[in-house]
Amino acid sequence: MNRLQFISQINPSWAITISNFIEEYPEFKQYLYMAPINNIEPIPYKNVTTLFQAIMHYICSAGVRYTYAIKQWQIIHPLIDLDDWENIIQNSILLRNNTNIQNKKREMYYNLCTFMTQHNLTHTNLTVAHLDLLKKNVPGIGDGCIAWCKKYFTIDDDCVEYTDINFKKGFIKLYNTDSLPLRKQKAKEWQQKRFGRIAGLMVLQIGFYSATLPLYAGTPRTPL
């Protein structure tokens, strides 16, 4: 039994999506064994349970080694894992002034909490419908953060993390280039064809294991 047959027994509609995607983008065929079993996975962090916490965690982890992010999150999480939003707001002020917090991100945490308060949003009523509003108004929340949140909090295809380091590595394996404009172009193309989720997940998976894969598998391709 191959990977696709196994997935079809668990999630038939997802298996059909994968099959259609591989047929249209044969450069992924050799990586079929990496296809995700489910179209949505649990958030891979035990102490990230809400969309608000997910955004805060993403900011915390962006652009740093994860060992450092873990230490930062150990400071941040207890201050925002509260029932009362007013207490969280007060703690965002503490974060803003805490010299143990990464300097350039102190304002990001504070600005996120302040903007949410100004728009009557809290950790309990923030939804994915508000993500574009946050992106337009809160510095530090960009396409990568939005895509990451949609990957875990929706089943939408608008979730291709084309700025992620593992996506970049996977893209190089597939297309022999790490061009940002081309990554963005492919993300848009996949989303429009309703392949955004499977494409994004597979490129990330390929990138994650890139060190164990051939430098470049295949010949130059033209779909870009």
C-alpha atoms as a PDB file:
ATOM      1  CA  MET A   1       0.000   0.000   0.000  1.00  0.00           C
ATOM      2  CA  ASN A   2       1.485   3.329  -1.018  1.00  0.00           C
ATOM      3  CA  ARG A   3       1.093   6.631   0.776  1.00  0.00           C
ATOM      4  CA  LEU A   4      -1.839   7.852  -1.309  1.00  0.00           C
ATOM      5  CA  GLN A   5      -3.759   4.606  -0.863  1.00  0.00           C
ATOM      6  CA  PHE A   6      -3.222   4.825   2.878  1.00  0.00           C
ATOM      7  CA  ILE A   7      -4.470   8.435   2.979  1.00  0.00           C
ATOM      8  CA  SER A   8      -7.502   7.525   0.881  1.00  0.00           C
ATOM      9  CA  GLN A   9      -8.620   5.121   3.604  1.00  0.00           C
ATOM     10  CA  ILE A  10      -8.425   7.840   6.238  1.00  0.00           C
ATOM     11  CA  ASN A  11      -9.420  10.968   4.330  1.00  0.00           C
ATOM     12  CA  PRO A  12     -10.755  10.163   0.833  1.00  0.00           C
ATOM     13  CA  SER A  13     -11.442  13.749  -0.250  1.00  0.00           C
ATOM     14  CA  TRP A  14      -7.962  14.833   0.820  1.00  0.00           C
ATOM     15  CA  ALA A  15      -6.455  11.921  -1.130  1.00  0.00           C
ATOM     16  CA  ILE A  16      -8.294  13.110  -4.246  1.00  0.00           C
ATOM     17  CA  THR A  17      -6.892  16.610  -3.767  1.00  0.00           C
ATOM     18  CA  ILE A  18      -3.379  15.200  -3.450  1.00  0.00           C
ATOM     19  CA  SER A  19      -3.820  13.013  -6.537  1.00  0.00           C
ATOM     20  CA  ASN A  20      -5.103  15.925  -8.628  1.00  0.00           C
ATOM     21  CA  PHE A  21      -2.293  18.135  -7.404  1.00  0.00           C
ATOM     22  CA  ILE A  22       0.419  15.586  -8.238  1.00  0.00           C
ATOM     23  CA  GLU A  23      -1.099  15.084 -11.685  1.00  0.00           C
ATOM     24  CA  GLU A  24      -0.945  18.808 -12.434  1.00  0.00           C
ATOM     25  CA  TYR A  25       2.446  19.340 -10.760  1.00  0.00           C
ATOM     26  CA  PRO A  26       4.466  16.170 -11.479  1.00  0.00           C
ATOM     27  CA  GLU A  27       7.592  17.705  -9.919  1.00  0.00           C
ATOM     28  CA  PHE A  28       6.048  16.678  -6.583  1.00  0.00           C
ATOM     29  CA  LYS A  29       5.520  13.041  -7.567  1.00  0.00           C
ATOM     30  CA  GLN A  30       8.850  11.801  -6.230  1.00  0.00           C
ATOM     31  CA  TYR A  31       7.914  13.312  -2.861  1.00  0.00           C
ATOM     32  CA  LEU A  32       4.504  11.668  -2.637  1.00  0.00           C
ATOM     33  CA  TYR A  33       5.743   9.632   0.326  1.00  0.00           C
ATOM     34  CA  MET A  34       5.896  12.943   2.218  1.00  0.00           C
ATOM     35  CA  ALA A  35       2.276  13.887   1.571  1.00  0.00           C
ATOM     36  CA  PRO A  36       0.522  14.864   4.823  1.00  0.00           C
ATOM     37  CA  ILE A  37      -2.084  12.411   6.040  1.00  0.00           C
ATOM     38  CA  ASN A  38      -4.489  15.137   7.140  1.00  0.00           C
ATOM     39  CA  ASN A  39      -5.325  18.497   5.621  1.00  0.00           C
ATOM     40  CA  ILE A  40      -5.138  20.135   9.024  1.00  0.00           C
ATOM     41  CA  GLU A  41      -2.944  19.272  11.976  1.00  0.00           C
ATOM     42  CA  PRO A  42      -3.045  20.319  15.629  1.00  0.00           C
ATOM     43  CA  ILE A  43      -0.913  23.306  16.573  1.00  0.00           C
ATOM     44  CA  PRO A  44       2.469  21.762  17.436  1.00  0.00           C
ATOM     45  CA  TYR A  45       2.826  23.637  20.718  1.00  0.00           C
ATOM     46  CA  LYS A  46       1.050  22.640  23.927  1.00  0.00           C
ATOM     47  CA  ASN A  47       0.895  26.208  25.234  1.00  0.00           C
ATOM     48  CA  VAL A  48      -0.635  27.790  22.128  1.00  0.00           C
ATOM     49  CA  THR A  49      -4.392  27.291  22.147  1.00  0.00           C
ATOM     50  CA  THR A  50      -6.006  30.494  20.858  1.00  0.00           C
ATOM     51  CA  LEU A  51      -5.543  32.578  17.730  1.00  0.00           C
ATOM     52  CA  PHE A  52      -4.234  35.447  19.851  1.00  0.00           C
ATOM     53  CA  GLN A  53      -1.609  33.207  21.429  1.00  0.00           C
ATOM     54  CA  ALA A  54      -0.718  31.852  17.989  1.00  0.00           C
ATOM     55  CA  ILE A  55      -0.012  35.344  16.663  1.00  0.00           C
ATOM     56  CA  MET A  56       2.044  36.226  19.721  1.00  0.00           C
ATOM     57  CA  HIS A  57       3.973  32.957  19.388  1.00  0.00           C
ATOM     58  CA  TYR A  58       4.614  33.554  15.684  1.00  0.00           C
ATOM     59  CA  ILE A  59       6.033  37.005  16.409  1.00  0.00           C
ATOM     60  CA  CYS A  60       8.153  35.525  19.170  1.00  0.00           C
ATOM     61  CA  SER A  61       9.580  32.825  16.888  1.00  0.00           C
ATOM     62  CA  ALA A  62      10.074  34.886  13.731  1.00  0.00           C
ATOM     63  CA  GLY A  63      13.660  35.402  12.642  1.00  0.00           C
ATOM     64  CA  VAL A  64      15.330  33.743  15.645  1.00  0.00           C
ATOM     65  CA  ARG A  65      16.604  30.317  16.597  1.00  0.00           C
ATOM     66  CA  TYR A  66      13.820  28.306  18.147  1.00  0.00           C
ATOM     67  CA  THR A  67      15.884  27.621  21.269  1.00  0.00           C
ATOM     68  CA  TYR A  68      15.903  31.375  21.852  1.00  0.00           C
ATOM     69  CA  ALA A  69      12.194  31.651  21.012  1.00  0.00           C
ATOM     70  CA  ILE A  70      11.380  29.003  23.622  1.00  0.00           C
ATOM     71  CA  LYS A  71      13.125  31.029  26.300  1.00  0.00           C
ATOM     72  CA  GLN A  72      11.273  34.163  25.198  1.00  0.00           C
ATOM     73  CA  TRP A  73       7.950  32.327  25.165  1.00  0.00           C
ATOM     74  CA  GLN A  74       8.527  31.108  28.691  1.00  0.00           C
ATOM     75  CA  ILE A  75       8.456  34.761  29.742  1.00  0.00           C
ATOM     76  CA  ILE A  76       5.588  35.826  27.498  1.00  0.00           C
ATOM     77  CA  HIS A  77       3.134  32.954  27.825  1.00  0.00           C
ATOM     78  CA  PRO A  78       2.314  33.289  31.553  1.00  0.00           C
ATOM     79  CA  LEU A  79       1.576  36.977  30.987  1.00  0.00           C
ATOM     80  CA  ILE A  80      -1.015  36.343  28.283  1.00  0.00           C
ATOM     81  CA  ASP A  81      -2.480  32.999  29.345  1.00  0.00           C
ATOM     82  CA  LEU A  82      -5.125  34.731  31.438  1.00  0.00           C
ATOM     83  CA  ASP A  83      -8.913  34.964  31.495  1.00  0.00           C
ATOM     84  CA  ASP A  84      -9.115  38.737  31.941  1.00  0.00           C
ATOM     85  CA  TRP A  85      -8.173  40.800  28.888  1.00  0.00           C
ATOM     86  CA  GLU A  86      -7.499  43.854  31.049  1.00  0.00           C
ATOM     87  CA  ASN A  87      -4.779  41.938  32.842  1.00  0.00           C
ATOM     88  CA  ILE A  88      -3.295  40.912  29.515  1.00  0.00           C
ATOM     89  CA  ILE A  89      -3.254  44.554  28.428  1.00  0.00           C
ATOM     90  CA  GLN A  90      -1.451  45.552  31.591  1.00  0.00           C
ATOM     91  CA  ASN A  91       1.047  42.772  31.044  1.00  0.00           C
ATOM     92  CA  SER A  92       1.668  43.939  27.473  1.00  0.00           C
ATOM     93  CA  ILE A  93       2.982  47.142  29.025  1.00  0.00           C
ATOM     94  CA  LEU A  94       5.318  45.043  31.155  1.00  0.00           C
ATOM     95  CA  LEU A  95       6.505  43.243  28.031  1.00  0.00           C
ATOM     96  CA  ARG A  96       7.114  46.566  26.340  1.00  0.00           C
ATOM     97  CA  ASN A  97       9.468  47.589  29.128  1.00  0.00           C
ATOM     98  CA  ASN A  98      11.077  44.214  29.816  1.00  0.00           C
ATOM     99  CA  THR A  99      14.728  44.280  28.753  1.00  0.00           C
ATOM    100  CA  ASN A 100      14.784  40.476  28.715  1.00  0.00           C
ATOM    101  CA  ILE A 101      12.392  40.544  25.767  1.00  0.00           C
ATOM    102  CA  GLN A 102      13.858  40.860  22.263  1.00  0.00           C
ATOM    103  CA  ASN A 103      14.133  44.583  21.748  1.00  0.00           C
ATOM    104  CA  LYS A 104      12.528  45.017  18.332  1.00  0.00           C
ATOM    105  CA  LYS A 105       9.545  42.842  19.279  1.00  0.00           C
ATOM    106  CA  ARG A 106       8.494  44.614  22.461  1.00  0.00           C
ATOM    107  CA  GLU A 107       6.535  47.210  20.476  1.00  0.00           C
ATOM    108  CA  MET A 108       4.981  44.497  18.293  1.00  0.00           C
ATOM    109  CA  TYR A 109       3.411  42.745  21.285  1.00  0.00           C
ATOM    110  CA  TYR A 110       2.233  46.012  22.762  1.00  0.00           C
ATOM    111  CA  ASN A 111       0.897  47.355  19.451  1.00  0.00           C
ATOM    112  CA  LEU A 112      -1.030  44.145  18.793  1.00  0.00           C
ATOM    113  CA  CYS A 113      -2.748  44.260  22.186  1.00  0.00           C
ATOM    114  CA  THR A 114      -3.424  48.000  21.946  1.00  0.00           C
ATOM    115  CA  PHE A 115      -4.885  47.753  18.447  1.00  0.00           C
ATOM    116  CA  MET A 116      -7.121  44.874  19.466  1.00  0.00           C
ATOM    117  CA  THR A 117      -8.418  46.855  22.439  1.00  0.00           C
ATOM    118  CA  GLN A 118      -9.132  49.869  20.241  1.00  0.00           C
ATOM    119  CA  HIS A 119     -11.246  47.669  17.985  1.00  0.00           C
ATOM    120  CA  ASN A 120     -13.072  45.827  20.782  1.00  0.00           C
ATOM    121  CA  LEU A 121     -11.148  42.639  20.180  1.00  0.00           C
ATOM    122  CA  THR A 122      -9.861  40.331  22.887  1.00  0.00           C
ATOM    123  CA  HIS A 123      -8.207  36.945  23.141  1.00  0.00           C
ATOM    124  CA  THR A 124     -11.682  35.366  23.242  1.00  0.00           C
ATOM    125  CA  ASN A 125     -13.348  36.988  20.219  1.00  0.00           C
ATOM    126  CA  LEU A 126     -10.426  37.335  17.789  1.00  0.00           C
ATOM    127  CA  THR A 127     -11.062  35.218  14.671  1.00  0.00           C
ATOM    128  CA  VAL A 128      -9.433  34.610  11.308  1.00  0.00           C
ATOM    129  CA  ALA A 129     -11.857  37.152   9.863  1.00  0.00           C
ATOM    130  CA  HIS A 130      -9.826  39.826  11.661  1.00  0.00           C
ATOM    131  CA  LEU A 131      -6.435  38.747  10.288  1.00  0.00           C
ATOM    132  CA  ASP A 132      -6.419  41.081   7.289  1.00  0.00           C
ATOM    133  CA  LEU A 133      -7.302  43.991   9.569  1.00  0.00           C
ATOM    134  CA  LEU A 134      -4.350  43.141  11.793  1.00  0.00           C
ATOM    135  CA  LYS A 135      -2.043  42.771   8.801  1.00  0.00           C
ATOM    136  CA  LYS A 136      -2.947  46.232   7.521  1.00  0.00           C
ATOM    137  CA  ASN A 137      -2.569  47.951  10.869  1.00  0.00           C
ATOM    138  CA  VAL A 138      -0.093  46.123  13.094  1.00  0.00           C
ATOM    139  CA  PRO A 139       3.578  46.207  12.035  1.00  0.00           C
ATOM    140  CA  GLY A 140       5.167  42.779  12.296  1.00  0.00           C
ATOM    141  CA  ILE A 141       2.092  40.872  11.157  1.00  0.00           C
ATOM    142  CA  GLY A 142       2.704  39.980   7.524  1.00  0.00           C
ATOM    143  CA  ASP A 143       1.898  37.341   4.953  1.00  0.00           C
ATOM    144  CA  GLY A 144       3.875  34.672   6.790  1.00  0.00           C
ATOM    145  CA  CYS A 145       1.989  35.154  10.045  1.00  0.00           C
ATOM    146  CA  ILE A 146      -1.387  35.207   8.295  1.00  0.00           C
ATOM    147  CA  ALA A 147      -0.615  32.033   6.330  1.00  0.00           C
ATOM    148  CA  TRP A 148       0.658  30.234   9.447  1.00  0.00           C
ATOM    149  CA  CYS A 149      -2.503  31.087  11.365  1.00  0.00           C
ATOM    150  CA  LYS A 150      -4.758  30.032   8.499  1.00  0.00           C
ATOM    151  CA  LYS A 151      -2.886  26.738   8.241  1.00  0.00           C
ATOM    152  CA  TYR A 152      -3.910  25.805  11.776  1.00  0.00           C
ATOM    153  CA  PHE A 153      -7.196  27.656  12.272  1.00  0.00           C
ATOM    154  CA  THR A 154      -8.885  27.083   8.895  1.00  0.00           C
ATOM    155  CA  ILE A 155      -8.977  24.597   6.033  1.00  0.00           C
ATOM    156  CA  ASP A 156      -8.496  27.407   3.484  1.00  0.00           C
ATOM    157  CA  ASP A 157      -6.022  27.245   0.614  1.00  0.00           C
ATOM    158  CA  ASP A 158      -4.826  30.763   1.366  1.00  0.00           C
ATOM    159  CA  CYS A 159      -2.178  29.388   3.715  1.00  0.00           C
ATOM    160  CA  VAL A 160       1.026  29.106   1.697  1.00  0.00           C
ATOM    161  CA  GLU A 161       3.947  30.192   3.897  1.00  0.00           C
ATOM    162  CA  TYR A 162       6.152  31.293   1.021  1.00  0.00           C
ATOM    163  CA  THR A 163       8.384  33.393   3.299  1.00  0.00           C
ATOM    164  CA  ASP A 164       9.169  30.493   5.659  1.00  0.00           C
ATOM    165  CA  ILE A 165      12.758  29.223   5.700  1.00  0.00           C
ATOM    166  CA  ASN A 166      11.669  25.598   5.182  1.00  0.00           C
ATOM    167  CA  PHE A 167       9.415  26.639   2.313  1.00  0.00           C
ATOM    168  CA  LYS A 168      12.400  28.381   0.748  1.00  0.00           C
ATOM    169  CA  LYS A 169      14.531  25.228   1.112  1.00  0.00           C
ATOM    170  CA  GLY A 170      11.777  23.054  -0.349  1.00  0.00           C
ATOM    171  CA  PHE A 171      11.259  25.440  -3.241  1.00  0.00           C
ATOM    172  CA  ILE A 172      14.953  25.204  -4.107  1.00  0.00           C
ATOM    173  CA  LYS A 173      14.681  21.395  -4.184  1.00  0.00           C
ATOM    174  CA  LEU A 174      11.743  21.593  -6.552  1.00  0.00           C
ATOM    175  CA  TYR A 175      12.605  24.514  -8.808  1.00  0.00           C
ATOM    176  CA  ASN A 176      16.324  25.185  -8.319  1.00  0.00           C
ATOM    177  CA  THR A 177      15.680  28.793  -7.248  1.00  0.00           C
ATOM    178  CA  ASP A 178      14.788  30.664  -4.084  1.00  0.00           C
ATOM    179  CA  SER A 179      13.449  33.750  -5.896  1.00  0.00           C
ATOM    180  CA  LEU A 180      10.928  35.487  -3.644  1.00  0.00           C
ATOM    181  CA  PRO A 181       8.830  36.828  -6.566  1.00  0.00           C
ATOM    182  CA  LEU A 182       8.595  33.297  -7.982  1.00  0.00           C
ATOM    183  CA  ARG A 183       7.689  31.813  -4.602  1.00  0.00           C
ATOM    184  CA  LYS A 184       4.945  34.407  -4.247  1.00  0.00           C
ATOM    185  CA  GLN A 185       3.768  33.767  -7.804  1.00  0.00           C
ATOM    186  CA  LYS A 186       3.521  30.031  -7.268  1.00  0.00           C
ATOM    187  CA  ALA A 187       1.713  30.532  -3.951  1.00  0.00           C
ATOM    188  CA  LYS A 188      -0.907  32.650  -5.705  1.00  0.00           C
ATOM    189  CA  GLU A 189      -1.217  30.149  -8.543  1.00  0.00           C
ATOM    190  CA  TRP A 190      -1.685  27.208  -6.178  1.00  0.00           C
ATOM    191  CA  GLN A 191      -4.236  29.101  -4.102  1.00  0.00           C
ATOM    192  CA  GLN A 192      -6.266  30.011  -7.184  1.00  0.00           C
ATOM    193  CA  LYS A 193      -6.338  26.362  -8.225  1.00  0.00           C
ATOM    194  CA  ARG A 194      -7.360  25.311  -4.716  1.00  0.00           C
ATOM    195  CA  PHE A 195      -4.071  23.511  -4.212  1.00  0.00           C
ATOM    196  CA  GLY A 196      -2.640  26.044  -1.777  1.00  0.00           C
ATOM    197  CA  ARG A 197      -2.892  23.850   1.299  1.00  0.00           C
ATOM    198  CA  ILE A 198      -1.428  20.663  -0.155  1.00  0.00           C
ATOM    199  CA  ALA A 199       1.287  22.553  -2.051  1.00  0.00           C
ATOM    200  CA  GLY A 200       2.280  24.602   0.971  1.00  0.00           C
ATOM    201  CA  LEU A 201       2.397  21.609   3.289  1.00  0.00           C
ATOM    202  CA  MET A 202       4.442  19.529   0.874  1.00  0.00           C
ATOM    203  CA  VAL A 203       6.972  22.259   0.118  1.00  0.00           C
ATOM    204  CA  LEU A 204       7.457  22.806   3.856  1.00  0.00           C
ATOM    205  CA  GLN A 205       7.913  19.070   4.388  1.00  0.00           C
ATOM    206  CA  ILE A 206      10.428  18.810   1.557  1.00  0.00           C
ATOM    207  CA  GLY A 207      12.286  21.793   2.974  1.00  0.00           C
ATOM    208  CA  PHE A 208      12.318  20.381   6.495  1.00  0.00           C
ATOM    209  CA  TYR A 209      14.031  17.211   5.279  1.00  0.00           C
ATOM    210  CA  SER A 210      16.090  18.991   2.615  1.00  0.00           C
ATOM    211  CA  ALA A 211      19.419  18.094   4.217  1.00  0.00           C
ATOM    212  CA  THR A 212      18.756  14.409   3.527  1.00  0.00           C
ATOM    213  CA  LEU A 213      17.497  14.899  -0.041  1.00  0.00           C
ATOM    214  CA  PRO A 214      19.483  15.285  -3.294  1.00  0.00           C
ATOM    215  CA  LEU A 215      20.659  18.822  -3.999  1.00  0.00           C
ATOM    216  CA  TYR A 216      18.328  19.163  -6.958  1.00  0.00           C
ATOM    217  CA  ALA A 217      16.046  16.381  -8.087  1.00  0.00           C
ATOM    218  CA  GLY A 218      15.012  16.743 -11.688  1.00  0.00           C
ATOM    219  CA  THR A 219      15.569  18.963 -14.699  1.00  0.00           C
ATOM    220  CA  PRO A 220      14.732  22.674 -14.985  1.00  0.00           C
ATOM    221  CA  ARG A 221      11.008  23.139 -15.175  1.00  0.00           C
ATOM    222  CA  THR A 222       8.871  25.736 -16.875  1.00  0.00           C
ATOM    223  CA  PRO A 223       5.733  26.046 -14.672  1.00  0.00           C
ATOM    224  CA  LEU A 224       7.329  29.065 -12.942  1.00  0.00           C
END
